[in-house]
PDB file of all heavy atoms in Angstrom:
ATOM      1  N   VAL A   1      82.422  53.588  23.962  1.00  0.00           N
ATOM      2  CA  VAL A   1      81.795  53.854  22.665  1.00  0.00           C
ATOM      3  C   VAL A   1      82.042  52.701  21.697  1.00  0.00           C
ATOM      4  O   VAL A   1      81.136  52.265  20.975  1.00  0.00           O
ATOM      5  CB  VAL A   1      82.313  55.181  22.077  1.00  0.00           C
ATOM      6  CG1 VAL A   1      81.774  55.395  20.668  1.00  0.00           C
ATOM      7  CG2 VAL A   1      81.908  56.345  22.981  1.00  0.00           C
ATOM      8  N   ASP A   2      83.263  52.169  21.686  1.00  0.00           N
ATOM      9  CA  ASP A   2      83.585  51.060  20.780  1.00  0.00           C
ATOM     10  C   ASP A   2      82.770  49.813  21.093  1.00  0.00           C
ATOM     11  O   ASP A   2      82.507  48.996  20.203  1.00  0.00           O
ATOM     12  CB  ASP A   2      85.080  50.730  20.856  1.00  0.00           C
ATOM     13  CG  ASP A   2      85.950  51.831  20.260  1.00  0.00           C
ATOM     14  OD1 ASP A   2      85.397  52.700  19.555  1.00  0.00           O
ATOM     15  OD2 ASP A   2      87.174  51.825  20.512  1.00  0.00           O
ATOM     16  N   ALA A   3      82.359  49.665  22.355  1.00  0.00           N
ATOM     17  CA  ALA A   3      81.563  48.494  22.734  1.00  0.00           C
ATOM     18  C   ALA A   3      80.110  48.628  22.303  1.00  0.00           C
ATOM     19  O   ALA A   3      79.337  47.675  22.417  1.00  0.00           O
ATOM     20  CB  ALA A   3      81.635  48.277  24.245  1.00  0.00           C
ATOM     21  N   GLY A   4      79.726  49.814  21.825  1.00  0.00           N
ATOM     22  CA  GLY A   4      78.378  49.984  21.291  1.00  0.00           C
ATOM     23  C   GLY A   4      77.359  50.463  22.287  1.00  0.00           C
ATOM     24  O   GLY A   4      76.189  50.087  22.227  1.00  0.00           O
ATOM     25  N   VAL A   5      77.778  51.332  23.232  1.00  0.00           N
ATOM     26  CA  VAL A   5      76.822  51.867  24.189  1.00  0.00           C
ATOM     27  C   VAL A   5      75.813  52.762  23.463  1.00  0.00           C
ATOM     28  O   VAL A   5      76.155  53.467  22.506  1.00  0.00           O
ATOM     29  CB  VAL A   5      77.564  52.645  25.298  1.00  0.00           C
ATOM     30  CG1 VAL A   5      78.098  53.975  24.781  1.00  0.00           C
ATOM     31  CG2 VAL A   5      76.697  52.860  26.502  1.00  0.00           C
ATOM     32  N   ASP A   6      74.555  52.726  23.895  1.00  0.00           N
ATOM     33  CA  ASP A   6      73.520  53.569  23.303  1.00  0.00           C
ATOM     34  C   ASP A   6      73.410  54.915  24.010  1.00  0.00           C
ATOM     35  O   ASP A   6      73.223  55.951  23.365  1.00  0.00           O
ATOM     36  CB  ASP A   6      72.160  52.858  23.360  1.00  0.00           C
ATOM     37  CG  ASP A   6      72.120  51.605  22.517  1.00  0.00           C
ATOM     38  OD1 ASP A   6      72.561  51.658  21.350  1.00  0.00           O
ATOM     39  OD2 ASP A   6      71.663  50.560  23.021  1.00  0.00           O
ATOM     40  N   LEU A   7      73.497  54.891  25.332  1.00  0.00           N
ATOM     41  CA  LEU A   7      73.420  56.103  26.143  1.00  0.00           C
ATOM     42  C   LEU A   7      74.623  56.135  27.078  1.00  0.00           C
ATOM     43  O   LEU A   7      74.879  55.168  27.800  1.00  0.00           O
ATOM     44  CB  LEU A   7      72.123  56.143  26.950  1.00  0.00           C
ATOM     45  CG  LEU A   7      70.827  56.353  26.158  1.00  0.00           C
ATOM     46  CD1 LEU A   7      69.618  55.996  27.006  1.00  0.00           C
ATOM     47  CD2 LEU A   7      70.731  57.790  25.679  1.00  0.00           C
ATOM     48  N   PHE A   8      75.351  57.245  27.062  1.00  0.00           N
ATOM     49  CA  PHE A   8      76.550  57.412  27.877  1.00  0.00           C
ATOM     50  C   PHE A   8      76.164  58.281  29.069  1.00  0.00           C
ATOM     51  O   PHE A   8      75.691  59.400  28.899  1.00  0.00           O
ATOM     52  CB  PHE A   8      77.632  58.093  27.040  1.00  0.00           C
ATOM     53  CG  PHE A   8      79.035  57.970  27.580  1.00  0.00           C
ATOM     54  CD1 PHE A   8      80.074  57.621  26.748  1.00  0.00           C
ATOM     55  CD2 PHE A   8      79.317  58.234  28.918  1.00  0.00           C
ATOM     56  CE1 PHE A   8      81.375  57.524  27.225  1.00  0.00           C
ATOM     57  CE2 PHE A   8      80.599  58.132  29.406  1.00  0.00           C
ATOM     58  CZ  PHE A   8      81.641  57.779  28.555  1.00  0.00           C
ATOM     59  N   VAL A   9      76.379  57.777  30.276  1.00  0.00           N
ATOM     60  CA  VAL A   9      76.039  58.519  31.483  1.00  0.00           C
ATOM     61  C   VAL A   9      77.328  58.960  32.178  1.00  0.00           C
ATOM     62  O   VAL A   9      78.205  58.141  32.458  1.00  0.00           O
ATOM     63  CB  VAL A   9      75.195  57.660  32.448  1.00  0.00           C
ATOM     64  CG1 VAL A   9      74.865  58.445  33.719  1.00  0.00           C
ATOM     65  CG2 VAL A   9      73.912  57.206  31.760  1.00  0.00           C
ATOM     66  N   ILE A  10      77.445  60.264  32.423  1.00  0.00           N
ATOM     67  CA  ILE A  10      78.551  60.816  33.204  1.00  0.00           C
ATOM     68  C   ILE A  10      77.952  61.263  34.529  1.00  0.00           C
ATOM     69  O   ILE A  10      77.204  62.234  34.599  1.00  0.00           O
ATOM     70  CB  ILE A  10      79.223  61.993  32.487  1.00  0.00           C
ATOM     71  CG1 ILE A  10      79.747  61.563  31.118  1.00  0.00           C
ATOM     72  CG2 ILE A  10      80.363  62.550  33.331  1.00  0.00           C
ATOM     73  CD1 ILE A  10      80.312  62.698  30.284  1.00  0.00           C
ATOM     74  N   ARG A  11      78.248  60.515  35.581  1.00  0.00           N
ATOM     75  CA  ARG A  11      77.552  60.719  36.861  1.00  0.00           C
ATOM     76  C   ARG A  11      78.557  60.887  37.991  1.00  0.00           C
ATOM     77  O   ARG A  11      79.466  60.083  38.158  1.00  0.00           O
ATOM     78  CB  ARG A  11      76.640  59.539  37.151  1.00  0.00           C
ATOM     79  CG  ARG A  11      75.786  59.666  38.416  1.00  0.00           C
ATOM     80  CD  ARG A  11      74.903  58.435  38.543  1.00  0.00           C
ATOM     81  NE  ARG A  11      73.916  58.528  39.597  1.00  0.00           N
ATOM     82  CZ  ARG A  11      74.004  57.875  40.766  1.00  0.00           C
ATOM     83  NH1 ARG A  11      75.061  57.126  41.014  1.00  0.00           N
ATOM     84  NH2 ARG A  11      73.053  57.978  41.667  1.00  0.00           N
ATOM     85  N   GLY A  12      78.376  61.944  38.751  1.00  0.00           N
ATOM     86  CA  GLY A  12      79.179  62.187  39.932  1.00  0.00           C
ATOM     87  C   GLY A  12      78.308  62.764  41.021  1.00  0.00           C
ATOM     88  O   GLY A  12      77.121  63.044  40.811  1.00  0.00           O
ATOM     89  N   THR A  13      78.873  62.928  42.214  1.00  0.00           N
ATOM     90  CA  THR A  13      78.103  63.558  43.286  1.00  0.00           C
ATOM     91  C   THR A  13      77.615  64.921  42.833  1.00  0.00           C
ATOM     92  O   THR A  13      76.469  65.291  43.022  1.00  0.00           O
ATOM     93  CB  THR A  13      78.955  63.687  44.554  1.00  0.00           C
ATOM     94  OG1 THR A  13      79.450  62.390  44.913  1.00  0.00           O
ATOM     95  CG2 THR A  13      78.142  64.238  45.700  1.00  0.00           C
ATOM     96  N   THR A  14      78.506  65.681  42.223  1.00  0.00           N
ATOM     97  CA  THR A  14      78.099  66.895  41.519  1.00  0.00           C
ATOM     98  C   THR A  14      78.994  67.047  40.298  1.00  0.00           C
ATOM     99  O   THR A  14      80.180  66.741  40.352  1.00  0.00           O
ATOM    100  CB  THR A  14      78.191  68.151  42.415  1.00  0.00           C
ATOM    101  OG1 THR A  14      77.651  69.267  41.711  1.00  0.00           O
ATOM    102  CG2 THR A  14      79.618  68.448  42.819  1.00  0.00           C
ATOM    103  N   VAL A  15      78.416  67.479  39.197  1.00  0.00           N
ATOM    104  CA  VAL A  15      79.151  67.655  37.951  1.00  0.00           C
ATOM    105  C   VAL A  15      78.881  69.066  37.459  1.00  0.00           C
ATOM    106  O   VAL A  15      77.726  69.491  37.380  1.00  0.00           O
ATOM    107  CB  VAL A  15      78.713  66.632  36.877  1.00  0.00           C
ATOM    108  CG1 VAL A  15      79.458  66.882  35.569  1.00  0.00           C
ATOM    109  CG2 VAL A  15      78.950  65.210  37.361  1.00  0.00           C
ATOM    110  N   SER A  16      79.948  69.789  37.129  1.00  0.00           N
ATOM    111  CA  SER A  16      79.776  71.142  36.626  1.00  0.00           C
ATOM    112  C   SER A  16      80.334  71.241  35.215  1.00  0.00           C
ATOM    113  O   SER A  16      81.166  70.439  34.797  1.00  0.00           O
ATOM    114  CB  SER A  16      80.485  72.166  37.539  1.00  0.00           C
ATOM    115  OG  SER A  16      81.883  72.118  37.329  1.00  0.00           O
ATOM    116  N   ALA A  17      79.865  72.239  34.494  1.00  0.00           N
ATOM    117  CA  ALA A  17      80.399  72.497  33.157  1.00  0.00           C
ATOM    118  C   ALA A  17      81.663  73.331  33.224  1.00  0.00           C
ATOM    119  O   ALA A  17      82.306  73.567  32.210  1.00  0.00           O
ATOM    120  CB  ALA A  17      79.341  73.219  32.317  1.00  0.00           C
ATOM    121  N   GLU A  18      82.025  73.780  34.440  1.00  0.00           N
ATOM    122  CA  GLU A  18      83.164  74.673  34.572  1.00  0.00           C
ATOM    123  C   GLU A  18      84.086  74.212  35.695  1.00  0.00           C
ATOM    124  O   GLU A  18      84.464  74.981  36.583  1.00  0.00           O
ATOM    125  CB  GLU A  18      82.683  76.104  34.848  1.00  0.00           C
ATOM    126  CG  GLU A  18      81.849  76.696  33.737  1.00  0.00           C
ATOM    127  CD  GLU A  18      81.419  78.122  34.030  1.00  0.00           C
ATOM    128  OE1 GLU A  18      81.824  78.664  35.074  1.00  0.00           O
ATOM    129  OE2 GLU A  18      80.685  78.694  33.222  1.00  0.00           O
ATOM    130  N   HIS A  19      84.441  72.914  35.689  1.00  0.00           N
ATOM    131  CA  HIS A  19      85.366  72.433  36.709  1.00  0.00           C
ATOM    132  C   HIS A  19      86.733  73.079  36.509  1.00  0.00           C
ATOM    133  O   HIS A  19      87.254  73.142  35.403  1.00  0.00           O
ATOM    134  CB  HIS A  19      85.505  70.910  36.630  1.00  0.00           C
ATOM    135  CG  HIS A  19      86.458  70.356  37.638  1.00  0.00           C
ATOM    136  ND1 HIS A  19      86.198  70.357  38.984  1.00  0.00           N
ATOM    137  CD2 HIS A  19      87.686  69.802  37.502  1.00  0.00           C
ATOM    138  CE1 HIS A  19      87.202  69.814  39.637  1.00  0.00           C
ATOM    139  NE2 HIS A  19      88.136  69.472  38.765  1.00  0.00           N
ATOM    140  N   VAL A  20      87.317  73.565  37.597  1.00  0.00           N
ATOM    141  CA  VAL A  20      88.613  74.234  37.545  1.00  0.00           C
ATOM    142  C   VAL A  20      89.627  73.397  38.315  1.00  0.00           C
ATOM    143  O   VAL A  20      89.367  72.980  39.445  1.00  0.00           O
ATOM    144  CB  VAL A  20      88.534  75.650  38.160  1.00  0.00           C
ATOM    145  CG1 VAL A  20      89.906  76.315  38.146  1.00  0.00           C
ATOM    146  CG2 VAL A  20      87.527  76.499  37.392  1.00  0.00           C
ATOM    147  N   SER A  21      90.763  73.122  37.709  1.00  0.00           N
ATOM    148  CA  SER A  21      91.807  72.348  38.362  1.00  0.00           C
ATOM    149  C   SER A  21      93.169  72.932  38.030  1.00  0.00           C
ATOM    150  O   SER A  21      93.460  73.237  36.874  1.00  0.00           O
ATOM    151  CB  SER A  21      91.766  70.873  37.895  1.00  0.00           C
ATOM    152  OG  SER A  21      92.860  70.149  38.431  1.00  0.00           O
ATOM    153  N   GLY A  22      94.000  73.082  39.058  1.00  0.00           N
ATOM    154  CA  GLY A  22      95.358  73.551  38.844  1.00  0.00           C
ATOM    155  C   GLY A  22      96.340  72.413  38.691  1.00  0.00           C
ATOM    156  O   GLY A  22      97.536  72.631  38.522  1.00  0.00           O
ATOM    157  N   GLN A  23      95.846  71.136  38.777  1.00  0.00           N
ATOM    158  CA  GLN A  23      96.724  69.977  38.746  1.00  0.00           C
ATOM    159  C   GLN A  23      96.588  69.172  37.467  1.00  0.00           C
ATOM    160  O   GLN A  23      97.574  68.698  36.912  1.00  0.00           O
ATOM    161  CB  GLN A  23      96.441  69.088  39.958  1.00  0.00           C
ATOM    162  CG  GLN A  23      96.708  69.801  41.286  1.00  0.00           C
ATOM    163  CD  GLN A  23      96.356  68.920  42.468  1.00  0.00           C
ATOM    164  OE1 GLN A  23      95.521  68.037  42.373  1.00  0.00           O
ATOM    165  NE2 GLN A  23      97.020  69.164  43.599  1.00  0.00           N
ATOM    166  N   THR A  24      95.369  68.981  37.003  1.00  0.00           N
ATOM    167  CA  THR A  24      95.143  68.178  35.804  1.00  0.00           C
ATOM    168  C   THR A  24      94.212  68.920  34.864  1.00  0.00           C
ATOM    169  O   THR A  24      93.454  69.801  35.281  1.00  0.00           O
ATOM    170  CB  THR A  24      94.515  66.816  36.155  1.00  0.00           C
ATOM    171  OG1 THR A  24      93.247  67.039  36.801  1.00  0.00           O
ATOM    172  CG2 THR A  24      95.427  66.013  37.073  1.00  0.00           C
ATOM    173  N   GLU A  25      94.242  68.542  33.606  1.00  0.00           N
ATOM    174  CA  GLU A  25      93.333  69.144  32.636  1.00  0.00           C
ATOM    175  C   GLU A  25      91.941  68.555  32.838  1.00  0.00           C
ATOM    176  O   GLU A  25      91.755  67.347  32.684  1.00  0.00           O
ATOM    177  CB  GLU A  25      93.816  68.869  31.217  1.00  0.00           C
ATOM    178  CG  GLU A  25      92.943  69.517  30.158  1.00  0.00           C
ATOM    179  CD  GLU A  25      93.404  69.189  28.746  1.00  0.00           C
ATOM    180  OE1 GLU A  25      94.466  68.556  28.600  1.00  0.00           O
ATOM    181  OE2 GLU A  25      92.697  69.565  27.803  1.00  0.00           O
ATOM    182  N   PRO A  26      90.962  69.351  33.185  1.00  0.00           N
ATOM    183  CA  PRO A  26      89.635  68.805  33.454  1.00  0.00           C
ATOM    184  C   PRO A  26      88.923  68.395  32.169  1.00  0.00           C
ATOM    185  O   PRO A  26      89.304  68.801  31.062  1.00  0.00           O
ATOM    186  CB  PRO A  26      88.905  69.977  34.120  1.00  0.00           C
ATOM    187  CG  PRO A  26      89.579  71.192  33.567  1.00  0.00           C
ATOM    188  CD  PRO A  26      91.015  70.807  33.363  1.00  0.00           C
ATOM    189  N   LEU A  27      87.895  67.585  32.347  1.00  0.00           N
ATOM    190  CA  LEU A  27      87.081  67.166  31.214  1.00  0.00           C
ATOM    191  C   LEU A  27      86.307  68.362  30.667  1.00  0.00           C
ATOM    192  O   LEU A  27      85.582  69.036  31.396  1.00  0.00           O
ATOM    193  CB  LEU A  27      86.096  66.073  31.661  1.00  0.00           C
ATOM    194  CG  LEU A  27      85.075  65.604  30.625  1.00  0.00           C
ATOM    195  CD1 LEU A  27      85.765  64.860  29.492  1.00  0.00           C
ATOM    196  CD2 LEU A  27      84.013  64.713  31.288  1.00  0.00           C
ATOM    197  N   ASN A  28      86.477  68.638  29.392  1.00  0.00           N
ATOM    198  CA  ASN A  28      85.705  69.683  28.725  1.00  0.00           C
ATOM    199  C   ASN A  28      84.412  69.048  28.239  1.00  0.00           C
ATOM    200  O   ASN A  28      84.378  68.405  27.196  1.00  0.00           O
ATOM    201  CB  ASN A  28      86.505  70.264  27.557  1.00  0.00           C
ATOM    202  CG  ASN A  28      85.798  71.444  26.906  1.00  0.00           C
ATOM    203  OD1 ASN A  28      84.585  71.429  26.715  1.00  0.00           O
ATOM    204  ND2 ASN A  28      86.554  72.462  26.542  1.00  0.00           N
ATOM    205  N   LEU A  29      83.353  69.222  29.006  1.00  0.00           N
ATOM    206  CA  LEU A  29      82.105  68.528  28.706  1.00  0.00           C
ATOM    207  C   LEU A  29      81.554  68.901  27.332  1.00  0.00           C
ATOM    208  O   LEU A  29      81.117  68.038  26.575  1.00  0.00           O
ATOM    209  CB  LEU A  29      81.060  68.837  29.776  1.00  0.00           C
ATOM    210  CG  LEU A  29      80.969  67.885  30.972  1.00  0.00           C
ATOM    211  CD1 LEU A  29      79.950  68.398  31.959  1.00  0.00           C
ATOM    212  CD2 LEU A  29      80.626  66.478  30.526  1.00  0.00           C
ATOM    213  N   LYS A  30      81.550  70.176  27.026  1.00  0.00           N
ATOM    214  CA  LYS A  30      80.967  70.620  25.761  1.00  0.00           C
ATOM    215  C   LYS A  30      81.716  70.021  24.577  1.00  0.00           C
ATOM    216  O   LYS A  30      81.106  69.515  23.623  1.00  0.00           O
ATOM    217  CB  LYS A  30      80.977  72.148  25.680  1.00  0.00           C
ATOM    218  CG  LYS A  30      80.214  72.701  24.481  1.00  0.00           C
ATOM    219  CD  LYS A  30      80.062  74.203  24.573  1.00  0.00           C
ATOM    220  CE  LYS A  30      79.176  74.735  23.444  1.00  0.00           C
ATOM    221  NZ  LYS A  30      78.967  76.195  23.567  1.00  0.00           N
ATOM    222  N   GLU A  31      83.030  70.039  24.649  1.00  0.00           N
ATOM    223  CA  GLU A  31      83.841  69.475  23.575  1.00  0.00           C
ATOM    224  C   GLU A  31      83.668  67.966  23.489  1.00  0.00           C
ATOM    225  O   GLU A  31      83.538  67.394  22.411  1.00  0.00           O
ATOM    226  CB  GLU A  31      85.308  69.835  23.827  1.00  0.00           C
ATOM    227  CG  GLU A  31      86.266  69.328  22.765  1.00  0.00           C
ATOM    228  CD  GLU A  31      87.690  69.743  23.081  1.00  0.00           C
ATOM    229  OE1 GLU A  31      87.969  70.954  23.085  1.00  0.00           O
ATOM    230  OE2 GLU A  31      88.518  68.842  23.355  1.00  0.00           O
ATOM    231  N   PHE A  32      83.634  67.316  24.657  1.00  0.00           N
ATOM    232  CA  PHE A  32      83.494  65.862  24.687  1.00  0.00           C
ATOM    233  C   PHE A  32      82.160  65.421  24.093  1.00  0.00           C
ATOM    234  O   PHE A  32      82.092  64.515  23.254  1.00  0.00           O
ATOM    235  CB  PHE A  32      83.624  65.361  26.130  1.00  0.00           C
ATOM    236  CG  PHE A  32      83.407  63.886  26.290  1.00  0.00           C
ATOM    237  CD1 PHE A  32      84.420  62.981  26.016  1.00  0.00           C
ATOM    238  CD2 PHE A  32      82.175  63.387  26.724  1.00  0.00           C
ATOM    239  CE1 PHE A  32      84.223  61.619  26.160  1.00  0.00           C
ATOM    240  CE2 PHE A  32      81.965  62.042  26.871  1.00  0.00           C
ATOM    241  CZ  PHE A  32      83.000  61.147  26.587  1.00  0.00           C
ATOM    242  N   ILE A  33      81.079  66.057  24.525  1.00  0.00           N
ATOM    243  CA  ILE A  33      79.754  65.679  24.045  1.00  0.00           C
ATOM    244  C   ILE A  33      79.610  65.964  22.558  1.00  0.00           C
ATOM    245  O   ILE A  33      79.008  65.184  21.814  1.00  0.00           O
ATOM    246  CB  ILE A  33      78.666  66.409  24.876  1.00  0.00           C
ATOM    247  CG1 ILE A  33      78.658  65.868  26.315  1.00  0.00           C
ATOM    248  CG2 ILE A  33      77.286  66.259  24.232  1.00  0.00           C
ATOM    249  CD1 ILE A  33      77.757  66.647  27.257  1.00  0.00           C
ATOM    250  N   TYR A  34      80.182  67.085  22.104  1.00  0.00           N
ATOM    251  CA  TYR A  34      80.098  67.444  20.683  1.00  0.00           C
ATOM    252  C   TYR A  34      80.769  66.393  19.805  1.00  0.00           C
ATOM    253  O   TYR A  34      80.284  66.072  18.717  1.00  0.00           O
ATOM    254  CB  TYR A  34      80.749  68.811  20.460  1.00  0.00           C
ATOM    255  CG  TYR A  34      80.748  69.259  19.015  1.00  0.00           C
ATOM    256  CD1 TYR A  34      79.602  69.791  18.432  1.00  0.00           C
ATOM    257  CD2 TYR A  34      81.906  69.147  18.236  1.00  0.00           C
ATOM    258  CE1 TYR A  34      79.597  70.188  17.105  1.00  0.00           C
ATOM    259  CE2 TYR A  34      81.909  69.540  16.916  1.00  0.00           C
ATOM    260  CZ  TYR A  34      80.749  70.065  16.348  1.00  0.00           C
ATOM    261  OH  TYR A  34      80.755  70.457  15.027  1.00  0.00           O
ATOM    262  N   GLU A  35      81.895  65.849  20.284  1.00  0.00           N
ATOM    263  CA  GLU A  35      82.649  64.890  19.485  1.00  0.00           C
ATOM    264  C   GLU A  35      82.111  63.472  19.594  1.00  0.00           C
ATOM    265  O   GLU A  35      82.480  62.601  18.801  1.00  0.00           O
ATOM    266  CB  GLU A  35      84.124  64.917  19.909  1.00  0.00           C
ATOM    267  CG  GLU A  35      84.817  66.239  19.599  1.00  0.00           C
ATOM    268  CD  GLU A  35      86.241  66.279  20.108  1.00  0.00           C
ATOM    269  OE1 GLU A  35      86.639  65.337  20.840  1.00  0.00           O
ATOM    270  OE2 GLU A  35      86.964  67.235  19.772  1.00  0.00           O
ATOM    271  N   LEU A  36      81.250  63.212  20.558  1.00  0.00           N
ATOM    272  CA  LEU A  36      80.737  61.864  20.781  1.00  0.00           C
ATOM    273  C   LEU A  36      79.581  61.560  19.828  1.00  0.00           C
ATOM    274  O   LEU A  36      78.807  62.444  19.464  1.00  0.00           O
ATOM    275  CB  LEU A  36      80.264  61.736  22.231  1.00  0.00           C
ATOM    276  CG  LEU A  36      80.357  60.367  22.888  1.00  0.00           C
ATOM    277  CD1 LEU A  36      81.788  59.878  22.922  1.00  0.00           C
ATOM    278  CD2 LEU A  36      79.803  60.447  24.309  1.00  0.00           C
ATOM    279  N   ASP A  37      79.466  60.307  19.457  1.00  0.00           N
ATOM    280  CA  ASP A  37      78.411  59.900  18.527  1.00  0.00           C
ATOM    281  C   ASP A  37      77.155  59.389  19.232  1.00  0.00           C
ATOM    282  O   ASP A  37      76.208  58.957  18.565  1.00  0.00           O
ATOM    283  CB  ASP A  37      78.928  58.805  17.584  1.00  0.00           C
ATOM    284  CG  ASP A  37      79.953  59.331  16.595  1.00  0.00           C
ATOM    285  OD1 ASP A  37      79.875  60.518  16.257  1.00  0.00           O
ATOM    286  OD2 ASP A  37      80.819  58.545  16.178  1.00  0.00           O
ATOM    287  N   VAL A  38      77.142  59.393  20.555  1.00  0.00           N
ATOM    288  CA  VAL A  38      75.991  58.882  21.296  1.00  0.00           C
ATOM    289  C   VAL A  38      75.480  59.956  22.253  1.00  0.00           C
ATOM    290  O   VAL A  38      76.246  60.821  22.692  1.00  0.00           O
ATOM    291  CB  VAL A  38      76.352  57.602  22.080  1.00  0.00           C
ATOM    292  CG1 VAL A  38      76.770  56.494  21.126  1.00  0.00           C
ATOM    293  CG2 VAL A  38      77.452  57.864  23.097  1.00  0.00           C
ATOM    294  N   PRO A  39      74.192  59.941  22.583  1.00  0.00           N
ATOM    295  CA  PRO A  39      73.649  60.922  23.526  1.00  0.00           C
ATOM    296  C   PRO A  39      74.221  60.724  24.927  1.00  0.00           C
ATOM    297  O   PRO A  39      74.490  59.592  25.349  1.00  0.00           O
ATOM    298  CB  PRO A  39      72.138  60.669  23.482  1.00  0.00           C
ATOM    299  CG  PRO A  39      71.990  59.302  22.916  1.00  0.00           C
ATOM    300  CD  PRO A  39      73.146  59.062  22.030  1.00  0.00           C
ATOM    301  N   VAL A  40      74.370  61.833  25.642  1.00  0.00           N
ATOM    302  CA  VAL A  40      74.982  61.827  26.968  1.00  0.00           C
ATOM    303  C   VAL A  40      73.985  62.336  27.999  1.00  0.00           C
ATOM    304  O   VAL A  40      73.302  63.343  27.785  1.00  0.00           O
ATOM    305  CB  VAL A  40      76.251  62.691  26.986  1.00  0.00           C
ATOM    306  CG1 VAL A  40      76.824  62.789  28.403  1.00  0.00           C
ATOM    307  CG2 VAL A  40      77.296  62.118  26.032  1.00  0.00           C
ATOM    308  N   ILE A  41      73.915  61.631  29.116  1.00  0.00           N
ATOM    309  CA  ILE A  41      73.179  62.092  30.302  1.00  0.00           C
ATOM    310  C   ILE A  41      74.225  62.453  31.340  1.00  0.00           C
ATOM    311  O   ILE A  41      75.138  61.664  31.612  1.00  0.00           O
ATOM    312  CB  ILE A  41      72.242  60.989  30.834  1.00  0.00           C
ATOM    313  CG1 ILE A  41      71.179  60.632  29.797  1.00  0.00           C
ATOM    314  CG2 ILE A  41      71.593  61.428  32.142  1.00  0.00           C
ATOM    315  CD1 ILE A  41      70.352  59.407  30.161  1.00  0.00           C
ATOM    316  N   VAL A  42      74.116  63.635  31.936  1.00  0.00           N
ATOM    317  CA  VAL A  42      75.177  64.108  32.816  1.00  0.00           C
ATOM    318  C   VAL A  42      74.595  64.707  34.094  1.00  0.00           C
ATOM    319  O   VAL A  42      73.514  65.296  34.090  1.00  0.00           O
ATOM    320  CB  VAL A  42      76.077  65.137  32.078  1.00  0.00           C
ATOM    321  CG1 VAL A  42      75.279  66.351  31.655  1.00  0.00           C
ATOM    322  CG2 VAL A  42      77.285  65.517  32.915  1.00  0.00           C
ATOM    323  N   GLY A  43      75.305  64.539  35.181  1.00  0.00           N
ATOM    324  CA  GLY A  43      74.888  65.106  36.459  1.00  0.00           C
ATOM    325  C   GLY A  43      75.591  64.400  37.603  1.00  0.00           C
ATOM    326  O   GLY A  43      76.431  63.529  37.365  1.00  0.00           O
ATOM    327  N   GLY A  44      75.354  64.792  38.855  1.00  0.00           N
ATOM    328  CA  GLY A  44      74.227  65.586  39.252  1.00  0.00           C
ATOM    329  C   GLY A  44      74.477  67.084  39.382  1.00  0.00           C
ATOM    330  O   GLY A  44      75.596  67.553  39.494  1.00  0.00           O
ATOM    331  N   CYS A  45      73.347  67.748  39.435  1.00  0.00           N
ATOM    332  CA  CYS A  45      73.327  69.175  39.714  1.00  0.00           C
ATOM    333  C   CYS A  45      72.076  69.442  40.533  1.00  0.00           C
ATOM    334  O   CYS A  45      71.197  68.596  40.627  1.00  0.00           O
ATOM    335  CB  CYS A  45      73.338  69.972  38.419  1.00  0.00           C
ATOM    336  SG  CYS A  45      71.832  69.794  37.432  1.00  0.00           S
ATOM    337  N   ALA A  46      72.009  70.625  41.112  1.00  0.00           N
ATOM    338  CA  ALA A  46      70.869  70.891  41.987  1.00  0.00           C
ATOM    339  C   ALA A  46      70.376  72.322  41.927  1.00  0.00           C
ATOM    340  O   ALA A  46      69.502  72.702  42.694  1.00  0.00           O
ATOM    341  CB  ALA A  46      71.228  70.529  43.436  1.00  0.00           C
TER     342      ALA A  46
END
Protein backbone atom coordinates (compact mmCIF):
# COMPACT_ATOMS: atom_id res chain seq x y z
CA VAL A 1 0.00 0.00 0.00
CA ASP A 2 2.82 2.42 0.86
CA ALA A 3 4.32 1.84 -2.59
CA GLY A 4 1.12 3.17 -4.15
CA VAL A 5 -0.60 0.09 -5.53
CA ASP A 6 -3.92 0.85 -7.28
CA LEU A 7 -5.43 -2.64 -7.13
CA PHE A 8 -4.51 -5.20 -4.47
CA VAL A 9 -4.89 -8.84 -5.54
CA ILE A 10 -5.10 -11.63 -2.95
CA ARG A 11 -4.73 -14.81 -4.99
CA GLY A 12 -4.42 -18.42 -3.94
CA THR A 13 -5.37 -21.82 -5.29
CA THR A 14 -8.52 -21.36 -3.26
CA VAL A 15 -9.39 -18.50 -0.91
CA SER A 16 -12.24 -18.59 1.57
CA ALA A 17 -13.80 -15.96 3.79
CA GLU A 18 -13.85 -18.48 6.63
CA HIS A 19 -10.38 -20.02 6.81
CA VAL A 20 -10.00 -21.95 10.07
CA SER A 21 -6.61 -22.56 11.66
CA GLY A 22 -5.65 -24.00 15.02
CA GLN A 23 -2.01 -22.88 14.62
CA THR A 24 -2.00 -19.28 13.42
CA GLU A 25 -4.44 -16.40 13.32
CA PRO A 26 -5.89 -16.44 9.81
CA LEU A 27 -6.36 -13.39 7.65
CA ASN A 28 -9.70 -11.75 8.39
CA LEU A 29 -10.62 -10.75 4.86
CA LYS A 30 -13.59 -8.57 5.76
CA GLU A 31 -11.64 -6.62 8.35
CA PHE A 32 -8.59 -6.33 6.11
CA ILE A 33 -10.52 -5.07 3.09
CA TYR A 34 -12.54 -2.64 5.22
CA GLU A 35 -9.37 -1.05 6.61
CA LEU A 36 -7.58 -0.88 3.25
CA ASP A 37 -7.66 2.26 1.14
CA VAL A 38 -7.47 0.45 -2.22
CA PRO A 39 -9.87 -1.94 -3.98
CA VAL A 40 -9.17 -5.65 -3.54
CA ILE A 41 -9.58 -8.53 -5.99
CA VAL A 42 -9.65 -11.88 -4.21
CA GLY A 43 -9.82 -15.54 -5.15
CA GLY A 44 -9.94 -18.18 -6.37
CA CYS A 45 -13.27 -19.71 -5.68
CA ALA A 46 -15.46 -22.01 -7.70
